[in-house]
């Protein structure tokens, strides 16, 4: 079924713990991601069979798999925890897909591991479906992310605030190497493991950097530079769709530059850079507008971890690593500038573009304007000024839009782009559909409380085409009612 080729399992034994998934008493397939299965070279019909469900639930470890729980540490809300690791995730192995790319296949929620720290290692159905919905939506939005291959109900309840149905998510990722993986070995003073991990991560994710001229610097510095670039670009794209990760700990910051771990994540409705959704983020550390700063903070922890490998002279190592970390701001600002210009329908860069975008965002925040709906309507208005009224109606004070729109239209007039092509480009940059928090909760509630997976299936299907209008599902694009103003999300554990 899976053609495994497990390179991580061939690393030293202290990188992981060998584990056996817990038995699920009555595994039942909820969903198989057929396009992703095809990309991985896996027969979707086999996955969807009773034998496939046994594998996806963890009851059967397939041939060629090396069931592992990965070791890592992490800063959680700024506090260092030296030993975290996969407490409820089990890596089955790696497959090389039809596109030639190597990916991990992991079971999330398949039982306890040596890293569980008192947890049950299980996952409840709601968080499994949330990760399936949101990670696949992010993939369709074009944002680097882990993917969901399958969801299976276990037939066994899990105890949270109440008894909930249990489930297992099969997650696919470029790898599960995190900033916290480097911190784990750095905290132990294990320079050999750090060096091995650095070479492995560089060769796996950034092979062109691994093959560079040795005179250009150490592997550790090359890796740090690439991860800075990847994370800066990733967070810029998060901001472009209003995504709030919710728990940007260093153990949730991937070396590959993929979005990973969809626990208390959510999407903005009304634009608010201070918005936080996580029930445990009391100080707003991981609020929407803080995400670039936190990404740079996390990267500084990576720099500290690999510092002994950057240069033999400590002062020189600090200078080199600091220079790479300081690049984050310019890389992020350039990436975010590209995101905003695309959202505004600007084909080329001009000096005043950043100020034009900043002025707009301030007006959106002051007016508590729906972020997604505003930009989708703006795309229409870019080709038809008579549609300005529909955009302005989103503001409590419509004049706030009209005043800004004068400057925007003057800027558009300086480009030789037809209105039709500009609108088409804007609609490719501004989704009609995101995983609206209210709609996600409705779908999860129907599945968990009533065993009705119809809303979940509909949501997954609609979000697979986020840039299409899909008028038959227009209600899924509507802003929420006032009851969602105090919406909070929770960690699946």
Protein backbone atom coordinates (compact mmCIF):
# COMPACT_ATOMS: atom_id res chain seq x y z
CA UNK A 1 0.00 0.00 0.00
CA UNK A 2 2.71 2.48 1.05
CA UNK A 3 6.14 2.27 -0.61
CA UNK A 4 8.12 3.40 2.42
CA UNK A 5 11.71 4.66 2.30
CA UNK A 6 12.46 5.77 5.85
CA UNK A 7 15.53 7.99 6.09
CA UNK A 8 14.72 9.49 9.51
CA UNK A 9 14.54 6.01 11.01
CA UNK A 10 18.15 5.53 9.93
CA UNK A 11 19.33 8.44 12.07
CA UNK A 12 20.80 7.67 15.54
CA UNK A 13 18.41 6.01 17.98
CA UNK A 14 18.34 9.03 20.31
CA UNK A 15 16.38 10.97 17.67
CA UNK A 16 13.20 8.97 18.38
CA UNK A 17 11.50 6.19 20.32
CA UNK A 18 10.14 3.06 18.66
CA UNK A 19 6.47 2.65 19.54
CA UNK A 20 3.44 0.49 18.89
CA UNK A 21 0.14 2.24 18.12
CA UNK A 22 -2.75 1.50 20.46
CA UNK A 23 -5.55 -0.76 19.22
CA UNK A 24 -8.78 0.85 18.08
CA UNK A 25 -11.71 -1.43 18.95
CA UNK A 26 -13.94 -0.54 16.00
CA UNK A 27 -12.17 1.52 13.31
CA UNK A 28 -14.49 3.19 10.84
CA UNK A 29 -13.34 5.24 7.89
CA UNK A 30 -14.61 8.83 7.84
CA UNK A 31 -12.77 10.18 4.82
CA UNK A 32 -9.89 9.43 2.48
CA UNK A 33 -8.25 12.27 0.58
CA UNK A 34 -8.17 10.66 -2.84
CA UNK A 35 -6.19 13.34 -4.72
CA UNK A 36 -3.51 13.30 -2.02
CA UNK A 37 -3.40 9.50 -2.05
CA UNK A 38 -2.83 9.63 -5.80
CA UNK A 39 -0.01 12.15 -5.32
CA UNK A 40 1.60 9.80 -2.81
CA UNK A 41 1.28 6.84 -5.18
CA UNK A 42 -1.15 5.10 -2.83
CA UNK A 43 -4.28 3.27 -3.99
CA UNK A 44 -7.18 5.24 -2.50
CA UNK A 45 -9.52 2.26 -2.81
CA UNK A 46 -7.14 0.17 -0.72
CA UNK A 47 -6.99 2.94 1.88
CA UNK A 48 -10.79 3.09 1.95
CA UNK A 49 -11.13 -0.69 2.43
CA UNK A 50 -11.57 -2.37 5.82
CA UNK A 51 -7.89 -3.40 5.67
CA UNK A 52 -6.95 0.20 4.97
CA UNK A 53 -8.99 1.42 7.93
CA UNK A 54 -7.06 -0.98 10.19
CA UNK A 55 -3.80 0.66 9.07
CA UNK A 56 -5.16 4.21 9.33
CA UNK A 57 -6.42 3.52 12.86
CA UNK A 58 -3.05 2.11 13.93
CA UNK A 59 -4.25 -1.46 14.42
CA UNK A 60 -1.92 -2.77 11.73
CA UNK A 61 1.58 -1.45 11.10
CA UNK A 62 2.03 -1.84 7.34
CA UNK A 63 5.05 -3.53 5.76
CA UNK A 64 8.05 -1.23 5.52
CA UNK A 65 6.87 1.13 8.26
CA UNK A 66 9.05 2.12 11.22
CA UNK A 67 6.62 3.34 13.87
CA UNK A 68 8.44 6.17 15.66
CA UNK A 69 7.71 8.99 18.10
CA UNK A 70 10.09 11.85 17.37
CA UNK A 71 12.08 13.58 20.10
CA UNK A 72 12.02 17.36 20.41
CA UNK A 73 11.89 20.18 22.94
CA UNK A 74 10.31 23.60 22.62
CA UNK A 75 9.52 27.04 23.94
CA UNK A 76 5.84 27.05 24.86
CA UNK A 77 4.50 30.58 25.37
CA UNK A 78 8.10 31.66 25.84
CA UNK A 79 9.01 29.05 28.46
CA UNK A 80 11.50 26.34 27.56
CA UNK A 81 10.47 22.71 28.03
CA UNK A 82 13.49 20.45 27.43
CA UNK A 83 11.55 17.28 26.58
CA UNK A 84 8.31 17.31 24.63
CA UNK A 85 8.33 14.93 21.67
CA UNK A 86 5.45 13.24 19.89
CA UNK A 87 3.05 12.57 22.72
CA UNK A 88 0.15 11.50 20.48
CA UNK A 89 1.68 11.18 17.03
CA UNK A 90 3.41 8.21 15.45
CA UNK A 91 5.49 8.47 12.29
CA UNK A 92 4.90 5.43 10.09
CA UNK A 93 7.52 6.36 7.53
CA UNK A 94 8.30 8.31 4.39
CA UNK A 95 7.08 7.96 0.83
CA UNK A 96 8.35 9.54 -2.37
CA UNK A 97 5.34 10.80 -4.30
CA UNK A 98 4.54 10.96 -7.97
CA UNK A 99 6.02 14.47 -7.99
CA UNK A 100 9.36 13.14 -6.71
CA UNK A 101 9.01 14.81 -3.30
CA UNK A 102 9.57 12.94 -0.04
CA UNK A 103 6.87 13.17 2.62
CA UNK A 104 6.23 11.81 6.11
CA UNK A 105 3.11 9.76 6.81
CA UNK A 106 2.08 10.10 10.44
CA UNK A 107 -0.80 8.89 12.61
CA UNK A 108 -2.05 11.56 15.00
CA UNK A 109 -4.09 10.30 17.93
CA UNK A 110 -2.95 6.68 17.79
CA UNK A 111 -2.11 6.27 21.47
CA UNK A 112 0.52 6.91 24.10
CA UNK A 113 4.24 7.20 23.46
CA UNK A 114 7.18 7.66 25.85
CA UNK A 115 6.71 11.41 25.31
CA UNK A 116 3.04 11.53 26.35
CA UNK A 117 3.79 13.08 29.76
CA UNK A 118 0.61 11.80 31.36
CA UNK A 119 -1.61 12.34 28.35
CA UNK A 120 -3.62 9.56 26.76
CA UNK A 121 -2.08 9.95 23.32
CA UNK A 122 -5.54 9.90 21.79
CA UNK A 123 -7.37 12.45 19.69
CA UNK A 124 -11.02 13.43 19.81
CA UNK A 125 -13.08 13.47 16.63
CA UNK A 126 -13.62 17.25 16.65
CA UNK A 127 -9.94 18.28 16.56
CA UNK A 128 -9.22 15.61 13.93
CA UNK A 129 -11.94 16.98 11.67
CA UNK A 130 -10.80 20.56 12.35
CA UNK A 131 -7.27 19.75 11.23
CA UNK A 132 -8.60 17.94 8.17
CA UNK A 133 -10.77 20.92 7.17
CA UNK A 134 -8.27 23.67 7.86
CA UNK A 135 -5.10 22.01 6.59
CA UNK A 136 -6.77 21.04 3.31
CA UNK A 137 -8.23 24.53 3.01
CA UNK A 138 -4.75 26.01 3.48
CA UNK A 139 -3.40 23.71 0.77
CA UNK A 140 -6.14 24.85 -1.62
CA UNK A 141 -5.33 28.47 -0.75
CA UNK A 142 -1.77 27.79 -1.91
CA UNK A 143 -0.17 28.11 1.53
CA UNK A 144 2.55 25.60 2.53
CA UNK A 145 1.01 23.18 4.99
CA UNK A 146 0.85 19.68 6.30
CA UNK A 147 -1.96 17.71 4.63
CA UNK A 148 -4.69 15.35 5.77
CA UNK A 149 -4.68 11.96 4.06
CA UNK A 150 -7.46 10.32 6.06
CA UNK A 151 -9.62 10.45 9.16
CA UNK A 152 -10.81 7.33 10.98
CA UNK A 153 -13.12 6.96 13.97
CA UNK A 154 -11.68 4.54 16.53
CA UNK A 155 -14.86 3.35 18.22
CA UNK A 156 -13.35 4.28 21.57
CA UNK A 157 -14.23 7.42 23.56
CA UNK A 158 -11.63 9.86 24.85
CA UNK A 159 -11.99 11.81 28.08
CA UNK A 160 -11.67 15.58 27.82
CA UNK A 161 -14.11 17.91 29.59
CA UNK A 162 -16.56 15.14 28.69
CA UNK A 163 -16.43 11.79 26.90
CA UNK A 164 -15.99 12.38 23.17
CA UNK A 165 -15.69 10.00 20.21
CA UNK A 166 -12.08 9.17 19.40
CA UNK A 167 -10.43 9.43 15.99
CA UNK A 168 -7.08 9.26 14.23
CA UNK A 169 -5.82 11.67 11.59
CA UNK A 170 -3.30 10.51 9.01
CA UNK A 171 -1.11 13.55 8.46
CA UNK A 172 1.33 14.09 5.61
CA UNK A 173 4.21 16.57 5.86
CA UNK A 174 7.44 17.45 4.09
CA UNK A 175 8.90 16.36 7.43
CA UNK A 176 8.12 16.77 11.11
CA UNK A 177 11.45 18.41 11.98
CA UNK A 178 10.84 21.49 14.11
CA UNK A 179 12.85 24.29 15.68
CA UNK A 180 12.26 22.34 18.88
CA UNK A 181 14.08 19.33 17.43
CA UNK A 182 17.27 21.38 17.34
CA UNK A 183 16.57 22.80 20.80
CA UNK A 184 16.28 19.25 22.16
CA UNK A 185 19.84 18.34 21.26
CA UNK A 186 21.22 21.80 22.03
CA UNK A 187 19.85 21.56 25.58
CA UNK A 188 21.63 18.25 25.97
CA UNK A 189 24.88 19.68 24.65
CA UNK A 190 24.85 16.95 22.01
CA UNK A 191 26.89 18.61 19.27
CA UNK A 192 27.19 15.40 17.27
CA UNK A 193 23.41 15.01 17.07
CA UNK A 194 23.03 18.70 16.17
CA UNK A 195 25.51 18.31 13.34
CA UNK A 196 23.78 15.16 12.07
CA UNK A 197 20.37 16.79 12.25
CA UNK A 198 21.58 19.94 10.49
CA UNK A 199 23.09 18.00 7.60
CA UNK A 200 19.98 15.84 7.33
CA UNK A 201 17.52 18.75 7.37
CA UNK A 202 19.55 20.73 4.86
CA UNK A 203 19.85 17.79 2.46
CA UNK A 204 16.16 16.91 2.80
CA UNK A 205 14.61 20.35 2.51
CA UNK A 206 17.19 22.62 0.89
CA UNK A 207 19.47 20.36 -1.17
CA UNK A 208 20.64 23.23 -3.36
CA UNK A 209 22.02 24.95 -0.26
CA UNK A 210 23.69 21.74 0.87
CA UNK A 211 25.54 21.55 -2.44
CA UNK A 212 26.89 25.10 -2.27
CA UNK A 213 30.57 26.12 -2.19
CA UNK A 214 31.93 25.28 1.31
CA UNK A 215 33.60 28.68 1.34
CA UNK A 216 30.19 30.32 1.67
CA UNK A 217 29.79 29.22 5.28
CA UNK A 218 28.68 26.36 7.48
CA UNK A 219 25.76 24.01 6.91
CA UNK A 220 24.18 25.45 10.06
CA UNK A 221 24.29 29.00 8.71
CA UNK A 222 22.93 27.87 5.35
CA UNK A 223 20.06 26.07 7.06
CA UNK A 224 19.28 29.06 9.28
CA UNK A 225 19.16 31.32 6.22
CA UNK A 226 16.75 29.05 4.37
CA UNK A 227 14.45 28.62 7.35
CA UNK A 228 14.39 32.40 7.86
CA UNK A 229 13.29 32.80 4.24
CA UNK A 230 10.71 30.01 4.47
CA UNK A 231 9.11 31.22 7.71
CA UNK A 232 9.05 34.88 6.66
CA UNK A 233 7.25 33.98 3.44
CA UNK A 234 4.89 31.60 5.25
CA UNK A 235 3.73 34.13 7.84
CA UNK A 236 3.24 36.78 5.15
CA UNK A 237 0.87 34.40 3.40
CA UNK A 238 -0.96 33.66 6.66
CA UNK A 239 -1.65 37.36 7.06
CA UNK A 240 -2.96 37.52 3.51
CA UNK A 241 -5.86 35.19 4.31
CA UNK A 242 -6.44 36.22 7.92
CA UNK A 243 -5.09 33.01 9.45
CA UNK A 244 -4.31 32.94 13.17
CA UNK A 245 -2.20 29.93 14.11
CA UNK A 246 -2.96 30.29 17.80
CA UNK A 247 0.00 28.43 19.29
CA UNK A 248 3.26 29.44 17.58
CA UNK A 249 5.52 27.61 20.00
CA UNK A 250 8.94 26.58 18.69
CA UNK A 251 7.81 22.96 18.66
CA UNK A 252 5.11 24.06 16.19
CA UNK A 253 7.57 25.86 13.89
CA UNK A 254 8.64 23.60 11.05
CA UNK A 255 12.04 23.64 9.41
CA UNK A 256 10.42 23.01 6.03
CA UNK A 257 8.35 26.20 6.21
CA UNK A 258 5.03 24.39 6.30
CA UNK A 259 2.12 25.32 8.56
CA UNK A 260 1.95 22.59 11.18
CA UNK A 261 -0.29 21.72 14.15
CA UNK A 262 -3.81 23.08 13.77
CA UNK A 263 -4.87 23.14 17.40
CA UNK A 264 -6.48 26.44 18.46
CA UNK A 265 -6.24 27.96 14.98
CA UNK A 266 -8.89 30.23 13.47
CA UNK A 267 -9.50 32.81 10.74
CA UNK A 268 -10.29 36.48 11.11
CA UNK A 269 -13.82 37.60 10.43
CA UNK A 270 -13.60 41.33 11.21
CA UNK A 271 -10.07 42.58 10.65
CA UNK A 272 -8.26 43.09 13.96
CA UNK A 273 -4.47 42.74 14.33
CA UNK A 274 -4.94 42.16 18.09
CA UNK A 275 -7.33 39.27 17.59
CA UNK A 276 -6.55 36.04 19.39
CA UNK A 277 -8.71 32.95 19.58
CA UNK A 278 -6.78 30.45 21.70
CA UNK A 279 -8.35 29.98 25.12
CA UNK A 280 -4.90 29.71 26.71
CA UNK A 281 -3.33 32.75 25.03
CA UNK A 282 -4.31 35.11 27.83
CA UNK A 283 -1.81 37.85 26.97
CA UNK A 284 -2.28 37.77 23.22
CA UNK A 285 1.26 36.55 22.56
CA UNK A 286 0.09 34.77 19.40
CA UNK A 287 -2.46 37.35 18.25
CA UNK A 288 -2.87 37.84 14.50
CA UNK A 289 -0.64 40.89 14.18
CA UNK A 290 2.06 39.47 16.48
CA UNK A 291 2.77 36.48 14.24
CA UNK A 292 5.70 38.02 12.30
CA UNK A 293 7.43 39.07 15.52
CA UNK A 294 6.91 35.65 17.08
CA UNK A 295 8.22 33.89 13.97
CA UNK A 296 11.43 35.91 14.23
CA UNK A 297 11.65 35.14 17.96
CA UNK A 298 11.30 31.44 17.21
CA UNK A 299 13.99 31.65 14.55
CA UNK A 300 16.30 33.26 17.10
CA UNK A 301 15.89 30.12 19.19
CA UNK A 302 16.96 28.07 16.16
CA UNK A 303 19.97 30.35 15.76
CA UNK A 304 20.92 29.83 19.40
CA UNK A 305 20.59 26.06 19.07
CA UNK A 306 22.89 25.74 16.05
CA UNK A 307 25.31 28.50 17.11
CA UNK A 308 28.17 26.08 18.00
CA UNK A 309 28.04 24.78 14.41
CA UNK A 310 28.01 28.20 12.73
CA UNK A 311 31.63 29.08 13.50
CA UNK A 312 34.34 27.91 15.91
CA UNK A 313 34.79 31.46 17.16
CA UNK A 314 31.76 32.30 19.32
CA UNK A 315 31.78 36.03 18.58
CA UNK A 316 31.93 35.36 14.85
CA UNK A 317 29.19 32.76 15.15
CA UNK A 318 26.95 35.29 16.90
CA UNK A 319 27.70 37.93 14.25
CA UNK A 320 26.89 35.59 11.38
CA UNK A 321 23.73 34.15 12.94
CA UNK A 322 22.50 37.61 13.96
CA UNK A 323 22.95 38.88 10.42
CA UNK A 324 20.74 36.07 9.11
CA UNK A 325 18.10 36.62 11.78
CA UNK A 326 18.01 40.35 11.08
CA UNK A 327 17.22 39.58 7.44
CA UNK A 328 13.83 38.31 8.56
CA UNK A 329 12.31 41.80 8.64
CA UNK A 330 13.25 42.70 5.09
CA UNK A 331 12.31 39.27 3.72
CA UNK A 332 8.95 39.37 5.50
CA UNK A 333 8.19 42.95 4.44
CA UNK A 334 8.99 42.14 0.82
CA UNK A 335 6.83 39.01 0.92
CA UNK A 336 3.97 40.78 2.69
CA UNK A 337 4.22 43.63 0.23
CA UNK A 338 3.75 41.17 -2.63
CA UNK A 339 0.74 39.64 -0.86
CA UNK A 340 -0.90 43.02 -0.31
CA UNK A 341 -0.21 44.29 -3.84
CA UNK A 342 -1.85 41.17 -5.24
CA UNK A 343 -4.85 41.67 -2.97
CA UNK A 344 -5.13 45.29 -4.09
CA UNK A 345 -4.76 44.48 -7.78
CA UNK A 346 -1.38 46.20 -8.21
CA UNK A 347 0.74 44.60 -10.91
CA UNK A 348 3.98 46.44 -10.11
CA UNK A 349 5.59 47.99 -7.05
CA UNK A 350 5.61 51.72 -6.35
CA UNK A 351 7.05 53.64 -3.41
CA UNK A 352 3.71 54.56 -1.86
CA UNK A 353 2.15 51.10 -2.00
CA UNK A 354 3.00 50.18 1.59
CA UNK A 355 1.43 53.38 2.89
CA UNK A 356 -1.69 52.83 0.77
CA UNK A 357 -2.09 49.30 2.17
CA UNK A 358 -1.37 50.40 5.75
CA UNK A 359 -3.98 53.13 5.51
CA UNK A 360 -6.54 50.60 4.31
CA UNK A 361 -5.77 48.11 7.08
CA UNK A 362 -6.16 50.83 9.70
CA UNK A 363 -9.56 51.68 8.26
CA UNK A 364 -10.59 48.01 8.22
CA UNK A 365 -9.57 47.65 11.85
CA UNK A 366 -11.34 50.84 12.94
CA UNK A 367 -14.50 49.83 11.13
CA UNK A 368 -14.35 46.14 12.14
CA UNK A 369 -14.77 45.26 8.49
CA UNK A 370 -14.97 41.64 7.40
CA UNK A 371 -11.52 40.91 5.96
CA UNK A 372 -12.36 38.22 3.42
CA UNK A 373 -15.59 39.74 2.20
CA UNK A 374 -14.01 43.20 1.79
CA UNK A 375 -11.26 42.05 -0.56
CA UNK A 376 -13.58 39.83 -2.56
CA UNK A 377 -15.94 42.75 -3.12
CA UNK A 378 -12.99 45.02 -3.85
CA UNK A 379 -12.07 42.74 -6.74
CA UNK A 380 -15.49 43.32 -8.27
CA UNK A 381 -15.23 47.06 -7.68
CA UNK A 382 -11.83 47.15 -9.39
CA UNK A 383 -13.59 46.50 -12.70
CA UNK A 384 -16.88 48.23 -11.90
CA UNK A 385 -16.79 51.43 -9.83
CA UNK A 386 -20.56 51.25 -9.44
CA UNK A 387 -19.89 48.36 -7.05
CA UNK A 388 -18.16 50.70 -4.61
CA UNK A 389 -21.39 51.02 -2.64
CA UNK A 390 -21.38 47.30 -1.87
CA UNK A 391 -17.82 47.61 -0.53
CA UNK A 392 -18.53 50.77 1.44
CA UNK A 393 -21.57 49.14 3.06
CA UNK A 394 -19.20 46.92 5.04
CA UNK A 395 -18.02 49.98 6.98
CA UNK A 396 -19.95 51.62 9.79
CA UNK A 397 -18.95 54.89 8.14
CA UNK A 398 -19.00 54.32 4.34
CA UNK A 399 -16.99 57.49 3.82
CA UNK A 400 -13.98 55.71 5.32
CA UNK A 401 -13.87 53.52 2.23
CA UNK A 402 -14.65 56.22 -0.31
CA UNK A 403 -11.82 58.44 0.98
CA UNK A 404 -9.32 55.60 0.63
CA UNK A 405 -10.73 54.41 -2.70
CA UNK A 406 -9.87 57.73 -4.35
CA UNK A 407 -6.17 57.12 -3.72
CA UNK A 408 -6.50 53.47 -4.72
CA UNK A 409 -8.15 54.25 -8.05
CA UNK A 410 -5.53 56.89 -8.79
CA UNK A 411 -2.88 54.23 -8.16
CA UNK A 412 -4.66 51.72 -10.42
CA UNK A 413 -4.81 54.31 -13.19
CA UNK A 414 -1.02 54.38 -13.38
CA UNK A 415 -0.94 50.78 -14.63
CA UNK A 416 -1.76 49.58 -18.11
CA UNK A 417 -3.98 46.69 -17.03
CA UNK A 418 -7.48 46.03 -18.31
CA UNK A 419 -10.24 46.05 -15.67
CA UNK A 420 -11.22 42.49 -16.56
CA UNK A 421 -7.72 41.07 -16.17
CA UNK A 422 -7.20 43.02 -12.93
CA UNK A 423 -10.41 41.63 -11.45
CA UNK A 424 -9.44 38.10 -12.47
CA UNK A 425 -6.02 38.51 -10.85
CA UNK A 426 -7.56 39.90 -7.67
CA UNK A 427 -10.01 37.04 -7.46
CA UNK A 428 -7.08 34.63 -7.66
CA UNK A 429 -5.49 36.44 -4.72
CA UNK A 430 -8.62 36.97 -2.60
CA UNK A 431 -10.60 33.84 -1.71
CA UNK A 432 -14.37 33.78 -1.69
CA UNK A 433 -14.32 31.01 0.90
CA UNK A 434 -12.19 30.45 3.98
CA UNK A 435 -12.88 28.07 6.89
CA UNK A 436 -15.24 30.48 8.62
CA UNK A 437 -15.07 29.72 12.34
CA UNK A 438 -18.83 29.53 12.64
CA UNK A 439 -19.15 27.10 9.73
CA UNK A 440 -16.32 24.91 10.99
CA UNK A 441 -18.00 24.67 14.39
CA UNK A 442 -21.33 23.80 12.78
CA UNK A 443 -19.73 21.00 10.75
CA UNK A 444 -17.83 19.64 13.74
CA UNK A 445 -20.88 19.81 15.97
CA UNK A 446 -23.03 17.91 13.48
CA UNK A 447 -20.40 15.16 13.23
CA UNK A 448 -19.53 14.86 16.91
CA UNK A 449 -23.01 15.30 18.40
CA UNK A 450 -25.20 13.71 15.76
CA UNK A 451 -22.93 11.53 13.62
CA UNK A 452 -23.87 13.68 10.62
CA UNK A 453 -20.83 14.15 8.39
CA UNK A 454 -22.74 15.88 5.59
CA UNK A 455 -21.78 19.44 6.64
CA UNK A 456 -18.13 18.33 7.02
CA UNK A 457 -18.12 16.81 3.52
CA UNK A 458 -19.72 19.92 2.03
CA UNK A 459 -17.25 22.22 3.76
CA UNK A 460 -14.24 20.20 2.62
CA UNK A 461 -15.53 20.20 -0.95
CA UNK A 462 -16.28 23.94 -1.04
CA UNK A 463 -12.93 24.84 0.53
CA UNK A 464 -11.08 22.76 -2.06
CA UNK A 465 -12.06 25.54 -4.55
CA UNK A 466 -11.73 28.67 -2.40
CA UNK A 467 -11.31 31.12 -5.29
CA UNK A 468 -14.47 30.02 -7.13
CA UNK A 469 -17.72 31.88 -6.40
CA UNK A 470 -19.88 28.73 -5.93
CA UNK A 471 -23.17 30.66 -5.54
CA UNK A 472 -25.00 27.49 -4.46
CA UNK A 473 -22.90 27.60 -1.27
CA UNK A 474 -22.92 31.37 -0.75
CA UNK A 475 -24.08 30.98 2.85
CA UNK A 476 -20.68 29.48 3.73
CA UNK A 477 -19.04 32.80 2.80
CA UNK A 478 -21.30 34.97 4.92
CA UNK A 479 -19.88 36.79 7.98
CA UNK A 480 -20.94 35.42 11.37
CA UNK A 481 -23.42 36.88 13.78
CA UNK A 482 -22.49 38.79 16.92
CA UNK A 483 -22.48 35.53 18.90
CA UNK A 484 -19.05 34.74 17.39
CA UNK A 485 -17.41 37.93 18.69
CA UNK A 486 -16.05 36.08 21.73
CA UNK A 487 -15.24 32.86 19.87
CA UNK A 488 -12.50 30.78 21.50
CA UNK A 489 -10.62 27.73 20.32
CA UNK A 490 -9.09 24.96 22.40
CA UNK A 491 -6.13 22.62 22.19
CA UNK A 492 -7.17 19.10 21.20
CA UNK A 493 -5.49 17.59 24.25
